[in-house]
């Protein structure tokens, strides 16, 4: 109940608060577990080996880049950490993108070229 003191200050009138009711969708009889089991698929041995190799390469790149300095190193290390954090996401980088991700801490970005007009 809420207080309403607008009409008569010092006294109050109780007003009912109406609650909102939401409608739930009925759950399947098995609790939805059967659909979850069918949606998950087991990765093949080749996919597991690829994942292990990528994780090892990413961890190795993080360990080797720990002492490096440069503006690009922090962002590259953050990208590697994000990759390791999101291993279970369905969308993984391609082989080329992953290779660039692993090499990023060790390659300095190209410096912008100065125009040769007058200087």
Protein backbone atom coordinates (compact mmCIF):
# COMPACT_ATOMS: atom_id res chain seq x y z
CA UNK A 1 0.00 0.00 0.00
CA UNK A 2 1.20 3.52 -0.76
CA UNK A 3 0.58 6.72 1.18
CA UNK A 4 -1.37 9.51 -0.44
CA UNK A 5 -0.91 12.81 1.42
CA UNK A 6 -1.90 15.13 -1.42
CA UNK A 7 -5.51 15.71 -0.36
CA UNK A 8 -5.12 16.02 3.40
CA UNK A 9 -1.63 16.77 4.73
CA UNK A 10 -0.94 15.07 8.02
CA UNK A 11 -3.38 12.25 7.34
CA UNK A 12 -2.97 9.51 4.87
CA UNK A 13 -5.15 7.29 2.80
CA UNK A 14 -4.03 3.85 1.79
CA UNK A 15 -4.19 3.06 -1.90
CA UNK A 16 -3.75 -0.46 -3.20
CA UNK A 17 -0.70 -1.16 -5.36
CA UNK A 18 -1.52 -3.27 -8.36
CA UNK A 19 1.06 -5.85 -9.26
CA UNK A 20 1.68 -6.89 -12.83
CA UNK A 21 1.28 -10.52 -13.65
CA UNK A 22 3.37 -12.11 -16.36
CA UNK A 23 2.45 -15.20 -18.29
CA UNK A 24 5.01 -17.97 -18.47
CA UNK A 25 5.31 -20.31 -21.36
CA UNK A 26 4.55 -23.86 -20.27
CA UNK A 27 7.70 -25.96 -19.90
CA UNK A 28 7.97 -29.22 -21.81
CA UNK A 29 7.34 -32.32 -19.70
CA UNK A 30 11.03 -33.29 -19.64
CA UNK A 31 12.07 -29.83 -18.44
CA UNK A 32 13.71 -28.88 -21.76
CA UNK A 33 16.72 -31.13 -21.17
CA UNK A 34 16.08 -33.25 -24.23
CA UNK A 35 16.28 -30.27 -26.59
CA UNK A 36 19.53 -29.11 -24.92
CA UNK A 37 21.13 -32.50 -25.45
CA UNK A 38 20.18 -32.54 -29.12
CA UNK A 39 21.47 -28.99 -29.69
CA UNK A 40 24.94 -29.80 -28.33
CA UNK A 41 27.21 -31.77 -30.58
CA UNK A 42 30.46 -33.41 -29.70
CA UNK A 43 33.52 -31.91 -31.40
CA UNK A 44 35.59 -34.26 -33.53
CA UNK A 45 39.10 -35.29 -32.57
CA UNK A 46 40.50 -32.98 -35.27
CA UNK A 47 38.59 -29.99 -33.83
CA UNK A 48 39.86 -30.81 -30.35
CA UNK A 49 43.47 -30.98 -31.60
CA UNK A 50 43.08 -27.65 -33.40
CA UNK A 51 41.65 -26.04 -30.28
CA UNK A 52 44.47 -27.40 -28.09
CA UNK A 53 47.09 -26.10 -30.53
CA UNK A 54 45.46 -22.66 -30.65
CA UNK A 55 45.22 -22.43 -26.87
CA UNK A 56 48.88 -23.42 -26.51
CA UNK A 57 49.94 -20.87 -29.15
CA UNK A 58 47.89 -18.08 -27.52
CA UNK A 59 49.29 -18.85 -24.05
CA UNK A 60 52.83 -19.00 -25.45
CA UNK A 61 52.39 -15.62 -27.18
CA UNK A 62 51.08 -14.13 -23.92
CA UNK A 63 54.06 -15.49 -21.97
CA UNK A 64 56.63 -14.28 -24.50
CA UNK A 65 55.06 -10.83 -24.85
CA UNK A 66 54.90 -10.17 -21.11
CA UNK A 67 58.09 -8.10 -21.09
CA UNK A 68 57.55 -6.23 -24.34
CA UNK A 69 56.83 -2.54 -24.50
CA UNK A 70 55.01 -0.46 -27.03
CA UNK A 71 51.63 1.05 -27.68
CA UNK A 72 50.49 -1.97 -29.68
CA UNK A 73 51.46 -4.60 -27.07
CA UNK A 74 48.69 -3.84 -24.57
CA UNK A 75 45.92 -4.05 -27.14
CA UNK A 76 47.38 -7.21 -28.67
CA UNK A 77 47.65 -8.91 -25.27
CA UNK A 78 44.07 -7.87 -24.45
CA UNK A 79 42.89 -9.44 -27.72
CA UNK A 80 44.69 -12.70 -26.86
CA UNK A 81 43.13 -12.73 -23.40
CA UNK A 82 39.68 -12.11 -24.89
CA UNK A 83 40.24 -14.99 -27.30
CA UNK A 84 41.08 -17.33 -24.41
CA UNK A 85 38.11 -16.04 -22.43
CA UNK A 86 35.65 -16.73 -25.27
CA UNK A 87 36.80 -20.18 -26.34
CA UNK A 88 33.31 -21.65 -26.06
CA UNK A 89 31.67 -19.07 -28.33
CA UNK A 90 30.39 -20.52 -31.59
CA UNK A 91 32.15 -17.92 -33.77
CA UNK A 92 35.91 -18.43 -33.71
CA UNK A 93 38.48 -16.57 -35.82
CA UNK A 94 39.72 -18.13 -39.04
CA UNK A 95 43.25 -19.51 -39.27
CA UNK A 96 44.55 -16.30 -40.87
CA UNK A 97 42.89 -14.11 -38.24
CA UNK A 98 44.26 -16.29 -35.46
CA UNK A 99 47.79 -16.13 -36.89
CA UNK A 100 47.56 -12.33 -36.99
CA UNK A 101 46.25 -12.34 -33.40
CA UNK A 102 49.22 -14.40 -32.16
CA UNK A 103 51.81 -12.32 -34.06
CA UNK A 104 50.33 -8.93 -33.10
CA UNK A 105 52.35 -8.33 -29.89
CA UNK A 106 55.64 -8.88 -31.73
CA UNK A 107 54.98 -6.71 -34.78
CA UNK A 108 55.09 -2.96 -34.42
CA UNK A 109 52.37 -1.25 -36.41
CA UNK A 110 53.58 0.55 -39.53
CA UNK A 111 54.45 4.17 -38.97
CA UNK A 112 52.46 6.71 -40.92
CA UNK A 113 54.40 8.09 -43.85
CA UNK A 114 55.04 11.78 -44.03
CA UNK A 115 54.09 13.55 -47.15
CA UNK A 116 57.09 14.78 -49.14
CA UNK A 117 55.55 18.15 -49.83
CA UNK A 118 58.03 20.71 -48.54
CA UNK A 119 59.59 18.94 -45.57
